[in-house]
Amino acid sequence: MSLADKVLAVNNDLPIRTGAPVHSGKVRSVYWLTEADSARLIRERGYNVAPDAPLAIMVISDRISAFDCIWHGEGDMRGVPGKGTALNAISNHWFKQFRAKGLADSHILEIPHPLVWIVQKAQPVMIEAIARQYITGSMWRSYSKGEREFCGITIPDGLEKDQKLPELLITPSTKGILEGIPGVPAVDDVNITRADIENNFAAFNFRSLADIDRYEVLLKEGFDLISAELAALDQIFVDTKFEFGYVTDAQGQEKLIYMDEVGTPDSSRIWDGPSQREGKVVEKSKEGFRQALLSHFPDPDILLNKDRMDERSALARDNALPTQMLMDVSDTYLGIAEKIVGHKLEVSDNPRAEIIATLLDDYGLID
């Protein structure tokens, strides 16, 4: 069994019975079930959703993206062993904690396999809800050039790189391209202010002004919960991205929920506490892989300069990374996941076959 066999690189060609084309993102693929299968599962599994709610199978891959490209390694390694398992385990842990503390539900209904979620269709809020506890990364680069206002919030002079901010900073950006919002360019991932959201709440898919307050509460409380639990493990929660949406439960009640993934090394920065006390930043997240890529290639500007996207795409396509670079990512992701969940994670030798067998035998979803 080679390392490449342990990687689930392609996740959009599984023989799952669907009622719509498979939607494939950078890491996850979504299989929308037929109306009949959705209704059957809701009935058989007792999900707390409307009887006619559309359901999907969400399969996470082991692909790794950075700088808007998908990377691969030597020996036809098309991803990172254990990465998907680690991401799902971490998200599942935090979503469970959020429910237990009475914060909000998520879109996940069941977890039939470490790489699979059964989810209900949610109406997404069109905001990448970013929360920052330290000044680093792109924010530091802007600050060091003299910028002091971020998403309508002014921060003080005199901060140093990687310093803790005076308070948790919420710096939202658009999710997707939103047309016709005054003062908000129609491009993906552009910074917005709270006033932008309030003045155009319906365009961002909020149901009411009150739900803007609700999303900020869920963002802050979710951040604080993860930060406190990581601190108990001597790890530092630096910044993260949350996503929210609306679903309807079995009683017909619409509610705001957490969706996508949360508190993972893909969506967050996490630093090692002991190293930070010694004055060193040791990344426990994808940022470590980004830094490794910048060191690996002789012209890092290709990775940082958006005007060189064609060169960047060719770089990712034509260069197999050393196996050790990808195994370092595997060690980082599995290591932080096992700290968070409190037990060892098993990485499947043949994830594709396992997923098919589970969805056939237990859910009757394989054609």
Protein backbone atom coordinates (compact mmCIF):
# COMPACT_ATOMS: atom_id res chain seq x y z
CA MET A 1 0.00 0.00 0.00
CA SER A 2 1.65 3.24 -1.17
CA LEU A 3 1.25 6.64 0.47
CA ALA A 4 -0.63 7.79 -2.63
CA ASP A 5 -3.27 5.08 -2.03
CA LYS A 6 -4.03 6.54 1.40
CA VAL A 7 -4.97 9.88 -0.15
CA LEU A 8 -8.52 10.62 -1.28
CA ALA A 9 -7.59 13.04 -4.05
CA VAL A 10 -10.61 12.76 -6.35
CA ASN A 11 -13.94 12.96 -4.53
CA ASN A 12 -16.41 14.03 -7.23
CA ASP A 13 -16.73 10.69 -9.05
CA LEU A 14 -18.17 8.41 -6.37
CA PRO A 15 -21.17 6.32 -7.54
CA ILE A 16 -23.60 8.10 -5.19
CA ARG A 17 -27.16 8.36 -6.51
CA THR A 18 -27.84 12.06 -7.05
CA GLY A 19 -30.61 14.37 -8.21
CA ALA A 20 -28.31 17.17 -9.44
CA PRO A 21 -24.76 17.64 -10.76
CA VAL A 22 -21.99 17.15 -8.21
CA HIS A 23 -20.62 20.44 -6.92
CA SER A 24 -16.89 20.25 -6.32
CA GLY A 25 -14.89 22.89 -4.44
CA LYS A 26 -11.20 23.10 -3.56
CA VAL A 27 -11.51 20.41 -0.90
CA ARG A 28 -15.13 19.17 -0.60
CA SER A 29 -17.57 17.71 -3.10
CA VAL A 30 -21.34 17.89 -2.57
CA TYR A 31 -23.72 15.23 -3.89
CA TRP A 32 -27.33 16.45 -3.81
CA LEU A 33 -29.61 13.49 -3.19
CA THR A 34 -32.83 12.78 -5.08
CA GLU A 35 -36.07 13.99 -3.48
CA ALA A 36 -37.01 10.36 -2.80
CA ASP A 37 -33.70 9.54 -1.06
CA SER A 38 -33.79 12.77 0.96
CA ALA A 39 -37.33 12.05 2.17
CA ARG A 40 -36.45 8.40 2.91
CA LEU A 41 -33.38 9.29 5.00
CA ILE A 42 -35.28 11.98 6.92
CA ARG A 43 -37.93 9.40 7.73
CA GLU A 44 -35.59 6.49 8.49
CA ARG A 45 -32.92 8.40 10.39
CA GLY A 46 -35.25 10.80 12.23
CA TYR A 47 -33.43 13.99 11.25
CA ASN A 48 -34.81 17.20 12.78
CA VAL A 49 -35.54 18.84 9.42
CA ALA A 50 -38.57 19.60 7.28
CA PRO A 51 -39.91 16.41 5.62
CA ASP A 52 -39.12 17.79 2.16
CA ALA A 53 -35.71 19.27 3.02
CA PRO A 54 -33.05 18.66 0.35
CA LEU A 55 -30.14 16.61 1.72
CA ALA A 56 -26.63 16.11 0.42
CA ILE A 57 -23.63 13.87 0.96
CA MET A 58 -20.55 16.02 1.51
CA VAL A 59 -17.24 14.20 0.90
CA ILE A 60 -14.01 15.84 2.03
CA SER A 61 -10.83 15.09 0.11
CA ASP A 62 -7.19 15.12 1.15
CA ARG A 63 -6.31 17.73 -1.49
CA ILE A 64 -4.39 20.74 -0.29
CA SER A 65 -4.81 24.23 -1.68
CA ALA A 66 -2.70 27.28 -0.96
CA PHE A 67 -2.33 30.57 -2.80
CA ASP A 68 -5.46 29.60 -4.79
CA CYS A 69 -3.82 26.50 -6.28
CA ILE A 70 -4.02 22.75 -5.65
CA TRP A 71 -0.62 21.18 -4.92
CA HIS A 72 0.71 17.63 -5.41
CA GLY A 73 3.77 15.65 -4.42
CA GLU A 74 6.24 13.10 -5.66
CA GLY A 75 5.08 9.53 -6.29
CA ASP A 76 1.70 10.75 -7.57
CA MET A 77 0.69 12.00 -4.11
CA ARG A 78 -2.33 14.15 -4.94
CA GLY A 79 -2.93 15.33 -1.40
CA VAL A 80 -1.99 14.90 2.26
CA PRO A 81 -2.61 11.57 4.06
CA GLY A 82 -5.07 12.08 6.92
CA LYS A 83 -5.82 15.74 6.11
CA GLY A 84 -9.54 15.23 5.44
CA THR A 85 -9.96 12.99 8.47
CA ALA A 86 -8.26 15.62 10.67
CA LEU A 87 -10.37 18.50 9.33
CA ASN A 88 -13.66 16.64 9.77
CA ALA A 89 -12.74 15.43 13.26
CA ILE A 90 -11.89 18.97 14.39
CA SER A 91 -15.03 20.53 12.90
CA ASN A 92 -17.20 17.78 14.36
CA HIS A 93 -15.66 18.38 17.79
CA TRP A 94 -16.34 22.12 17.74
CA PHE A 95 -19.87 21.78 16.32
CA LYS A 96 -20.66 19.32 19.12
CA GLN A 97 -19.28 21.77 21.70
CA PHE A 98 -21.32 24.62 20.23
CA ARG A 99 -24.53 22.57 20.51
CA ALA A 100 -23.69 21.45 24.04
CA LYS A 101 -23.15 25.07 25.12
CA GLY A 102 -26.39 26.18 23.47
CA LEU A 103 -24.80 28.40 20.82
CA ALA A 104 -26.28 27.12 17.54
CA ASP A 105 -26.64 24.01 15.41
CA SER A 106 -24.72 23.24 12.23
CA HIS A 107 -25.84 21.95 8.84
CA ILE A 108 -24.48 18.46 9.66
CA LEU A 109 -27.13 15.79 10.34
CA GLU A 110 -24.95 12.69 10.58
CA ILE A 111 -21.33 11.55 10.13
CA PRO A 112 -21.36 8.10 8.49
CA HIS A 113 -17.60 8.02 7.82
CA PRO A 114 -14.61 10.15 8.93
CA LEU A 115 -14.54 11.79 5.48
CA VAL A 116 -18.30 12.15 5.00
CA TRP A 117 -21.09 14.39 6.31
CA ILE A 118 -24.79 14.12 5.61
CA VAL A 119 -26.02 17.73 5.51
CA GLN A 120 -29.22 19.62 4.93
CA LYS A 121 -29.41 22.42 2.40
CA ALA A 122 -28.78 25.79 4.02
CA GLN A 123 -29.31 29.30 2.69
CA PRO A 124 -25.84 30.79 3.19
CA VAL A 125 -25.18 34.23 4.59
CA MET A 126 -22.93 35.77 1.95
CA ILE A 127 -20.21 36.77 4.40
CA GLU A 128 -16.85 35.26 5.30
CA ALA A 129 -16.97 36.05 9.01
CA ILE A 130 -13.34 36.52 10.04
CA ALA A 131 -12.29 37.07 13.65
CA ARG A 132 -8.76 38.04 14.66
CA GLN A 133 -7.12 37.93 18.09
CA TYR A 134 -3.56 38.73 16.92
CA ILE A 135 -2.13 41.00 14.23
CA THR A 136 -0.34 38.83 11.67
CA GLY A 137 -0.48 37.72 8.05
CA SER A 138 -2.19 40.01 5.53
CA MET A 139 -3.45 42.30 8.27
CA TRP A 140 0.09 42.89 9.52
CA ARG A 141 1.33 43.52 5.97
CA SER A 142 -1.31 46.24 5.54
CA TYR A 143 -0.68 47.69 9.03
CA SER A 144 3.08 47.83 8.43
CA LYS A 145 2.40 49.96 5.33
CA GLY A 146 0.47 52.47 7.44
CA GLU A 147 -3.10 51.20 7.21
CA ARG A 148 -5.04 51.67 10.44
CA GLU A 149 -8.66 51.08 9.43
CA PHE A 150 -9.87 47.54 8.85
CA CYS A 151 -13.48 46.93 7.84
CA GLY A 152 -14.49 50.27 9.33
CA ILE A 153 -12.65 49.68 12.62
CA THR A 154 -9.64 51.82 13.56
CA ILE A 155 -6.84 50.12 15.47
CA PRO A 156 -4.10 51.95 17.39
CA ASP A 157 -0.56 52.82 16.36
CA GLY A 158 2.41 51.07 17.93
CA LEU A 159 1.42 47.43 17.47
CA GLU A 160 4.12 44.90 16.68
CA LYS A 161 3.99 41.86 14.42
CA ASP A 162 2.20 38.87 15.99
CA GLN A 163 1.05 40.99 18.97
CA LYS A 164 -2.29 40.31 20.63
CA LEU A 165 -4.89 42.88 19.64
CA PRO A 166 -6.60 45.04 22.29
CA GLU A 167 -9.84 43.15 21.60
CA LEU A 168 -11.21 40.53 19.22
CA LEU A 169 -11.51 42.13 15.80
CA ILE A 170 -14.28 41.13 13.36
CA THR A 171 -13.18 41.79 9.78
CA PRO A 172 -15.85 40.39 7.43
CA SER A 173 -15.52 40.02 3.67
CA THR A 174 -17.91 39.09 0.89
CA LYS A 175 -18.57 35.44 0.07
CA GLY A 176 -18.84 35.28 -3.69
CA ILE A 177 -19.53 38.16 -6.08
CA LEU A 178 -22.40 40.35 -4.89
CA GLU A 179 -23.90 42.77 -7.40
CA GLY A 180 -25.55 46.11 -6.77
CA ILE A 181 -24.46 46.86 -3.19
CA PRO A 182 -23.48 50.54 -2.86
CA GLY A 183 -19.80 50.96 -2.00
CA VAL A 184 -19.05 47.22 -2.23
CA PRO A 185 -17.11 46.18 -5.36
CA ALA A 186 -18.62 43.20 -7.22
CA VAL A 187 -15.61 40.95 -6.63
CA ASP A 188 -15.14 37.92 -4.41
CA ASP A 189 -13.60 38.28 -0.94
CA VAL A 190 -13.66 42.06 -0.59
CA ASN A 191 -13.56 43.61 2.90
CA ILE A 192 -16.82 45.13 4.16
CA THR A 193 -17.90 47.13 7.20
CA ARG A 194 -20.68 46.49 9.65
CA ALA A 195 -22.45 49.53 8.18
CA ASP A 196 -22.30 47.88 4.73
CA ILE A 197 -24.02 44.82 6.19
CA GLU A 198 -26.64 46.81 8.12
CA ASN A 199 -27.53 49.01 5.14
CA ASN A 200 -27.87 46.03 2.79
CA PHE A 201 -28.69 43.13 5.12
CA ALA A 202 -31.08 41.44 2.65
CA ALA A 203 -28.41 41.46 -0.08
CA PHE A 204 -26.16 39.48 2.27
CA ASN A 205 -29.05 37.03 2.89
CA PHE A 206 -29.74 38.12 6.46
CA ARG A 207 -33.43 37.88 7.35
CA SER A 208 -33.39 40.86 9.70
CA LEU A 209 -31.18 43.50 11.30
CA ALA A 210 -31.40 41.56 14.57
CA ASP A 211 -29.73 38.59 12.89
CA ILE A 212 -26.61 40.71 12.31
CA ASP A 213 -26.30 41.03 16.09
CA ARG A 214 -27.02 37.30 16.38
CA TYR A 215 -24.28 36.35 13.91
CA GLU A 216 -21.75 38.53 15.76
CA VAL A 217 -22.69 36.90 19.08
CA LEU A 218 -22.32 33.41 17.58
CA LEU A 219 -19.02 34.43 16.02
CA LYS A 220 -17.58 35.83 19.25
CA GLU A 221 -18.92 33.06 21.50
CA GLY A 222 -17.73 30.38 19.09
CA PHE A 223 -14.31 32.01 18.89
CA ASP A 224 -14.06 32.34 22.68
CA LEU A 225 -15.06 28.69 23.22
CA ILE A 226 -12.41 27.41 20.80
CA SER A 227 -9.81 29.84 22.13
CA ALA A 228 -10.37 28.75 25.74
CA GLU A 229 -10.23 25.05 24.92
CA LEU A 230 -7.06 25.48 22.85
CA ALA A 231 -5.49 27.56 25.64
CA ALA A 232 -6.09 24.62 28.00
CA LEU A 233 -4.02 22.55 25.52
CA ASP A 234 -1.34 25.30 25.51
CA GLN A 235 -2.21 26.28 21.95
CA ILE A 236 -3.13 29.79 20.75
CA PHE A 237 -6.18 30.52 18.59
CA VAL A 238 -4.93 33.39 16.41
CA ASP A 239 -7.66 34.00 13.85
CA THR A 240 -10.37 32.08 12.02
CA LYS A 241 -13.14 32.18 9.46
CA PHE A 242 -16.74 31.25 10.28
CA GLU A 243 -19.63 30.82 7.87
CA PHE A 244 -23.33 30.99 8.68
CA GLY A 245 -26.61 30.08 7.03
CA TYR A 246 -30.30 29.42 7.61
CA VAL A 247 -32.11 26.09 7.83
CA THR A 248 -35.64 25.05 8.75
CA ASP A 249 -36.29 22.37 11.38
CA ALA A 250 -39.03 19.73 11.56
CA GLN A 251 -41.36 22.22 13.30
CA GLY A 252 -40.99 24.69 10.42
CA GLN A 253 -38.82 27.03 12.50
CA GLU A 254 -36.09 28.85 10.57
CA LYS A 255 -32.82 29.28 12.47
CA LEU A 256 -29.35 30.72 11.96
CA ILE A 257 -26.65 28.02 12.09
CA TYR A 258 -22.92 27.49 11.71
CA MET A 259 -21.94 25.91 8.40
CA ASP A 260 -18.94 24.76 6.35
CA GLU A 261 -16.00 23.92 8.66
CA VAL A 262 -14.93 25.63 11.87
CA GLY A 263 -11.74 25.96 13.92
CA THR A 264 -9.63 23.83 11.57
CA PRO A 265 -6.03 24.30 10.40
CA ASP A 266 -7.47 25.16 6.96
CA SER A 267 -9.76 27.94 8.19
CA SER A 268 -7.73 29.20 11.16
CA ARG A 269 -4.29 30.08 12.41
CA ILE A 270 -3.19 28.17 15.50
CA TRP A 271 0.15 28.72 17.21
CA ASP A 272 2.06 26.51 19.60
CA GLY A 273 1.99 28.08 23.07
CA PRO A 274 5.38 26.94 24.44
CA SER A 275 7.17 28.12 21.28
CA GLN A 276 5.43 31.48 21.36
CA ARG A 277 6.60 32.06 24.94
CA GLU A 278 10.16 31.54 23.65
CA GLY A 279 9.58 34.22 21.01
CA LYS A 280 9.04 31.85 18.09
CA VAL A 281 5.91 31.37 16.01
CA VAL A 282 5.30 27.69 15.26
CA GLU A 283 2.25 27.25 13.04
CA LYS A 284 -0.21 24.42 13.70
CA SER A 285 -2.21 25.25 10.60
CA LYS A 286 -1.97 25.66 6.82
CA GLU A 287 0.10 28.81 7.30
CA GLY A 288 3.10 26.53 7.91
CA PHE A 289 2.59 24.98 4.46
CA ARG A 290 2.28 28.43 2.88
CA GLN A 291 5.58 29.46 4.45
CA ALA A 292 7.20 26.23 3.26
CA LEU A 293 6.04 26.94 -0.30
CA LEU A 294 7.46 30.48 -0.14
CA SER A 295 10.83 29.03 0.95
CA HIS A 296 10.75 26.17 -1.58
CA PHE A 297 10.51 28.21 -4.77
CA PRO A 298 13.25 30.66 -5.81
CA ASP A 299 10.77 33.42 -6.79
CA PRO A 300 8.16 33.66 -3.99
CA ASP A 301 6.63 36.74 -5.64
CA ILE A 302 4.84 34.35 -8.01
CA LEU A 303 2.87 33.05 -5.02
CA LEU A 304 2.14 36.48 -3.57
CA ASN A 305 1.47 38.58 -6.66
CA LYS A 306 -2.08 38.24 -7.98
CA ASP A 307 -0.94 39.61 -11.34
CA ARG A 308 1.17 36.46 -11.83
CA MET A 309 -1.66 33.97 -11.47
CA ASP A 310 -0.89 32.18 -14.75
CA GLU A 311 2.69 31.57 -13.63
CA ARG A 312 1.45 30.44 -10.22
CA SER A 313 -0.98 27.93 -11.74
CA ALA A 314 1.83 26.54 -13.90
CA LEU A 315 4.09 26.31 -10.85
CA ALA A 316 1.52 24.18 -8.98
CA ARG A 317 0.74 22.07 -12.04
CA ASP A 318 4.32 21.35 -13.10
CA ASN A 319 6.12 20.90 -9.77
CA ALA A 320 5.73 17.79 -7.62
CA LEU A 321 6.61 18.79 -4.08
CA PRO A 322 8.97 16.65 -1.98
CA THR A 323 7.09 13.90 -0.14
CA GLN A 324 8.38 15.23 3.18
CA MET A 325 6.68 18.60 2.63
CA LEU A 326 3.30 16.91 2.40
CA MET A 327 4.05 14.53 5.29
CA ASP A 328 4.97 17.55 7.44
CA VAL A 329 1.47 18.90 6.73
CA SER A 330 0.01 15.48 7.61
CA ASP A 331 1.88 15.48 10.94
CA THR A 332 0.72 19.03 11.71
CA TYR A 333 -2.95 18.39 10.90
CA LEU A 334 -3.21 15.00 12.59
CA GLY A 335 -1.18 16.26 15.58
CA ILE A 336 -3.43 19.25 16.32
CA ALA A 337 -6.57 17.20 15.59
CA GLU A 338 -5.55 14.50 18.06
CA LYS A 339 -4.80 17.15 20.70
CA ILE A 340 -8.26 18.66 20.21
CA VAL A 341 -10.32 15.47 20.11
CA GLY A 342 -8.23 13.71 22.76
CA HIS A 343 -7.53 10.44 20.95
CA LYS A 344 -5.59 8.99 18.03
CA LEU A 345 -7.17 9.22 14.59
CA GLU A 346 -7.10 6.25 12.26
CA VAL A 347 -6.22 7.06 8.66
CA SER A 348 -7.86 4.70 6.20
CA ASP A 349 -5.72 2.65 3.79
CA ASN A 350 -8.47 2.83 1.16
CA PRO A 351 -10.89 5.67 1.95
CA ARG A 352 -12.73 5.47 -1.37
CA ALA A 353 -13.72 1.82 -0.94
CA GLU A 354 -14.73 2.43 2.70
CA ILE A 355 -17.01 5.35 1.79
CA ILE A 356 -18.74 3.40 -0.99
CA ALA A 357 -19.30 0.38 1.28
CA THR A 358 -20.74 2.53 4.09
CA LEU A 359 -23.12 4.49 1.85
CA LEU A 360 -24.25 1.27 0.15
CA ASP A 361 -24.76 -0.95 3.19
CA ASP A 362 -26.09 1.56 5.73
CA TYR A 363 -27.79 4.22 3.58
CA GLY A 364 -28.68 2.58 0.24
CA LEU A 365 -27.25 5.50 -1.74
CA ILE A 366 -24.91 3.74 -4.17
CA ASP A 367 -26.09 2.89 -7.69
